[in-house]
Amino acid sequence: MKFFKFHGHYDVSQLAAQLRKQPELWNAQVFRQQGVFYQTDDIWVRYRALEELTSPQRFLEPHFATWYPAWRKLTALQPIIYDLMAKVRATHLGGILLTRIPAGGEVKPHDDRGGWHAEFYTTKVYVVIENNADCVNYCGDDEVVMHPGEAWEFDNLVTHSVVNRGKTPRVSAIACMRAEP
């Protein structure tokens, strides 16, 4: 099984409300609005410092992640991230990204191999904020419909994708962490 569902459930209602009240946070950085992600919207919460992202190669190099302004504005996300870090026994916190896949949208099949960030932060967790029964995540030969409040770990070095055939968007937070085995 390529997906692992965490026990428990997060109350994501406050986070969803904060997102509705701050639509300007979406696509403040547009680095991913191309390739397999061209149908998505993003909020960058944590990654390499913006001033260091001067070329495509800089996304692939070793770096320390920094907080982006969205972290201070999405206060309901903070206890979720810290709880996830404790659950996986994270030793390092990498990138945090919120993604929105519109109704009828998709993220094409891809893997995240070849980038330092993806290969160093080997624990990748989705926390679902909004979803519908017709939005399916795929990883390898596995597929799952994730529900709001659930947290799912998966191997992003394996080919994965998302297809939203529903009538509502899929919104999730993605936290990348390095955890001790």
Protein backbone atom coordinates (compact mmCIF):
# COMPACT_ATOMS: atom_id res chain seq x y z
CA MET A 1 0.00 0.00 0.00
CA LYS A 2 1.46 3.36 -1.05
CA PHE A 3 -0.92 5.43 1.13
CA PHE A 4 -0.94 5.45 4.93
CA LYS A 5 -3.88 7.07 6.75
CA PHE A 6 -3.10 8.61 10.13
CA HIS A 7 -5.34 7.79 13.06
CA GLY A 8 -7.51 10.63 14.24
CA HIS A 9 -9.11 13.56 12.52
CA TYR A 10 -8.25 17.26 12.27
CA ASP A 11 -10.90 19.93 12.56
CA VAL A 12 -10.12 21.90 9.40
CA SER A 13 -13.18 24.17 9.55
CA GLN A 14 -11.23 27.17 10.90
CA LEU A 15 -8.54 26.71 8.27
CA ALA A 16 -11.17 26.51 5.52
CA ALA A 17 -12.75 29.71 6.86
CA GLN A 18 -9.37 31.48 6.92
CA LEU A 19 -8.80 30.46 3.29
CA ARG A 20 -12.22 31.79 2.23
CA LYS A 21 -11.52 35.14 3.95
CA GLN A 22 -8.09 35.54 2.30
CA PRO A 23 -8.43 34.65 -1.40
CA GLU A 24 -5.44 36.87 -2.18
CA LEU A 25 -3.15 34.20 -0.72
CA TRP A 26 -3.79 31.91 -3.69
CA ASN A 27 -1.13 32.11 -6.39
CA ALA A 28 0.95 34.81 -4.72
CA GLN A 29 3.85 32.69 -6.02
CA VAL A 30 3.24 31.15 -9.45
CA PHE A 31 6.19 28.77 -9.72
CA ARG A 32 3.97 25.69 -10.11
CA GLN A 33 1.42 27.05 -12.59
CA GLN A 34 2.98 25.01 -15.39
CA GLY A 35 3.79 21.42 -16.28
CA VAL A 36 1.78 18.79 -14.40
CA PHE A 37 0.41 21.46 -12.00
CA TYR A 38 -0.95 23.89 -14.59
CA GLN A 39 -4.56 23.29 -13.48
CA THR A 40 -3.89 24.00 -9.80
CA ASP A 41 -3.74 26.98 -7.47
CA ASP A 42 -1.21 27.16 -4.64
CA ILE A 43 -0.39 28.93 -1.42
CA TRP A 44 3.28 28.68 -0.51
CA VAL A 45 3.62 28.54 3.27
CA ARG A 46 7.22 27.36 3.62
CA TYR A 47 10.04 26.66 1.18
CA ARG A 48 13.39 28.04 0.08
CA ALA A 49 13.63 31.81 0.56
CA LEU A 50 12.09 33.65 -2.39
CA GLU A 51 15.22 35.74 -2.95
CA GLU A 52 17.20 32.51 -3.48
CA LEU A 53 14.85 31.16 -6.18
CA THR A 54 16.60 32.95 -9.03
CA SER A 55 16.62 30.07 -11.55
CA PRO A 56 14.93 26.69 -12.05
CA GLN A 57 18.08 24.96 -10.79
CA ARG A 58 17.77 26.72 -7.41
CA PHE A 59 14.58 24.72 -6.67
CA LEU A 60 16.61 21.48 -6.83
CA GLU A 61 19.53 22.47 -4.58
CA PRO A 62 19.96 21.88 -0.83
CA HIS A 63 18.52 24.66 1.30
CA PHE A 64 16.90 25.52 4.60
CA ALA A 65 13.19 26.26 4.28
CA THR A 66 11.86 29.60 5.53
CA TRP A 67 8.38 30.80 6.44
CA TYR A 68 6.37 32.72 3.88
CA PRO A 69 3.78 35.37 4.92
CA ALA A 70 0.89 32.88 4.63
CA TRP A 71 2.14 31.08 7.77
CA ARG A 72 1.25 34.06 9.97
CA LYS A 73 -2.10 34.51 8.24
CA LEU A 74 -3.22 30.88 8.40
CA THR A 75 -3.00 30.41 12.15
CA ALA A 76 -5.36 27.41 12.10
CA LEU A 77 -2.73 25.51 10.07
CA GLN A 78 -0.04 25.90 12.73
CA PRO A 79 -1.28 23.36 15.35
CA ILE A 80 -1.95 20.83 12.58
CA ILE A 81 1.63 21.09 11.31
CA TYR A 82 3.14 20.83 14.79
CA ASP A 83 0.96 17.81 15.58
CA LEU A 84 2.01 16.09 12.35
CA MET A 85 5.65 16.73 13.16
CA ALA A 86 5.19 15.07 16.55
CA LYS A 87 3.31 12.10 15.08
CA VAL A 88 6.01 11.32 12.51
CA ARG A 89 8.83 12.28 14.90
CA ALA A 90 10.10 14.83 12.41
CA THR A 91 13.68 16.01 12.79
CA HIS A 92 13.37 18.64 10.02
CA LEU A 93 10.46 20.55 8.52
CA GLY A 94 10.67 21.33 4.83
CA GLY A 95 8.15 22.82 2.45
CA ILE A 96 4.49 23.40 3.22
CA LEU A 97 2.12 24.05 0.37
CA LEU A 98 -1.64 24.38 0.10
CA THR A 99 -3.05 23.23 -3.22
CA ARG A 100 -6.44 23.64 -4.85
CA ILE A 101 -7.56 21.48 -7.75
CA PRO A 102 -10.73 22.87 -9.30
CA ALA A 103 -13.74 20.79 -10.28
CA GLY A 104 -12.75 18.90 -13.43
CA GLY A 105 -9.05 19.57 -12.83
CA GLU A 106 -6.14 17.22 -12.32
CA VAL A 107 -2.50 16.89 -11.48
CA LYS A 108 -0.94 14.73 -14.18
CA PRO A 109 1.08 11.63 -13.24
CA HIS A 110 4.58 12.51 -12.07
CA ASP A 111 7.16 11.70 -9.42
CA ASP A 112 9.28 14.12 -7.42
CA ARG A 113 12.62 12.38 -7.95
CA GLY A 114 15.70 14.39 -8.77
CA GLY A 115 15.18 17.31 -6.43
CA TRP A 116 17.06 17.61 -3.17
CA HIS A 117 13.98 18.74 -1.24
CA ALA A 118 11.84 15.77 -2.27
CA GLU A 119 14.60 13.29 -1.59
CA PHE A 120 15.74 14.77 1.74
CA TYR A 121 12.25 15.37 3.19
CA THR A 122 11.12 11.78 2.70
CA THR A 123 7.88 12.05 4.69
CA LYS A 124 5.13 13.78 2.72
CA VAL A 125 1.69 14.21 4.31
CA TYR A 126 -1.58 15.51 2.86
CA VAL A 127 -4.11 17.08 5.21
CA VAL A 128 -7.39 17.36 3.34
CA ILE A 129 -9.30 20.61 3.84
CA GLU A 130 -12.02 20.23 1.18
CA ASN A 131 -12.79 17.32 -1.13
CA ASN A 132 -15.57 15.40 -2.84
CA ALA A 133 -16.28 11.74 -3.50
CA ASP A 134 -15.22 12.05 -7.14
CA CYS A 135 -11.68 13.31 -6.47
CA VAL A 136 -9.20 10.44 -6.45
CA ASN A 137 -5.52 10.38 -5.46
CA TYR A 138 -3.32 7.81 -7.18
CA CYS A 139 0.12 6.57 -6.11
CA GLY A 140 1.63 3.63 -7.95
CA ASP A 141 -1.19 1.10 -8.32
CA ASP A 142 -3.11 2.43 -5.31
CA GLU A 143 -5.97 4.90 -5.28
CA VAL A 144 -7.86 6.59 -2.48
CA VAL A 145 -10.54 9.21 -1.94
CA MET A 146 -9.45 11.41 0.95
CA HIS A 147 -11.95 13.15 3.22
CA PRO A 148 -11.72 16.55 4.95
CA GLY A 149 -9.80 16.36 8.21
CA GLU A 150 -7.89 13.22 7.26
CA ALA A 151 -4.10 13.09 7.08
CA TRP A 152 -2.42 10.75 4.58
CA GLU A 153 1.24 9.94 4.08
CA PHE A 154 2.47 8.74 0.70
CA ASP A 155 5.71 8.19 -1.19
CA ASN A 156 6.14 11.15 -3.53
CA LEU A 157 9.09 9.45 -5.24
CA VAL A 158 6.57 6.99 -6.74
CA THR A 159 4.46 8.15 -9.68
CA HIS A 160 1.37 9.90 -8.31
CA SER A 161 -1.51 12.04 -9.57
CA VAL A 162 -4.92 13.44 -8.64
CA VAL A 163 -8.07 13.57 -10.76
CA ASN A 164 -11.00 15.70 -9.60
CA ARG A 165 -14.11 14.61 -11.49
CA GLY A 166 -16.32 16.25 -8.85
CA LYS A 167 -18.24 19.51 -8.89
CA THR A 168 -16.25 21.13 -6.06
CA PRO A 169 -12.54 21.86 -5.61
CA ARG A 170 -10.11 19.68 -3.70
CA VAL A 171 -8.03 21.69 -1.22
CA SER A 172 -5.23 20.17 0.83
CA ALA A 173 -2.14 21.11 2.77
CA ILE A 174 1.04 19.22 1.92
CA ALA A 175 3.75 19.09 4.58
CA CYS A 176 7.21 17.73 3.80
CA MET A 177 9.24 16.43 6.72
CA ARG A 178 12.32 14.36 7.43
CA ALA A 179 11.58 11.79 10.09
CA GLU A 180 13.74 9.28 11.88
CA PRO A 181 12.96 5.69 10.87
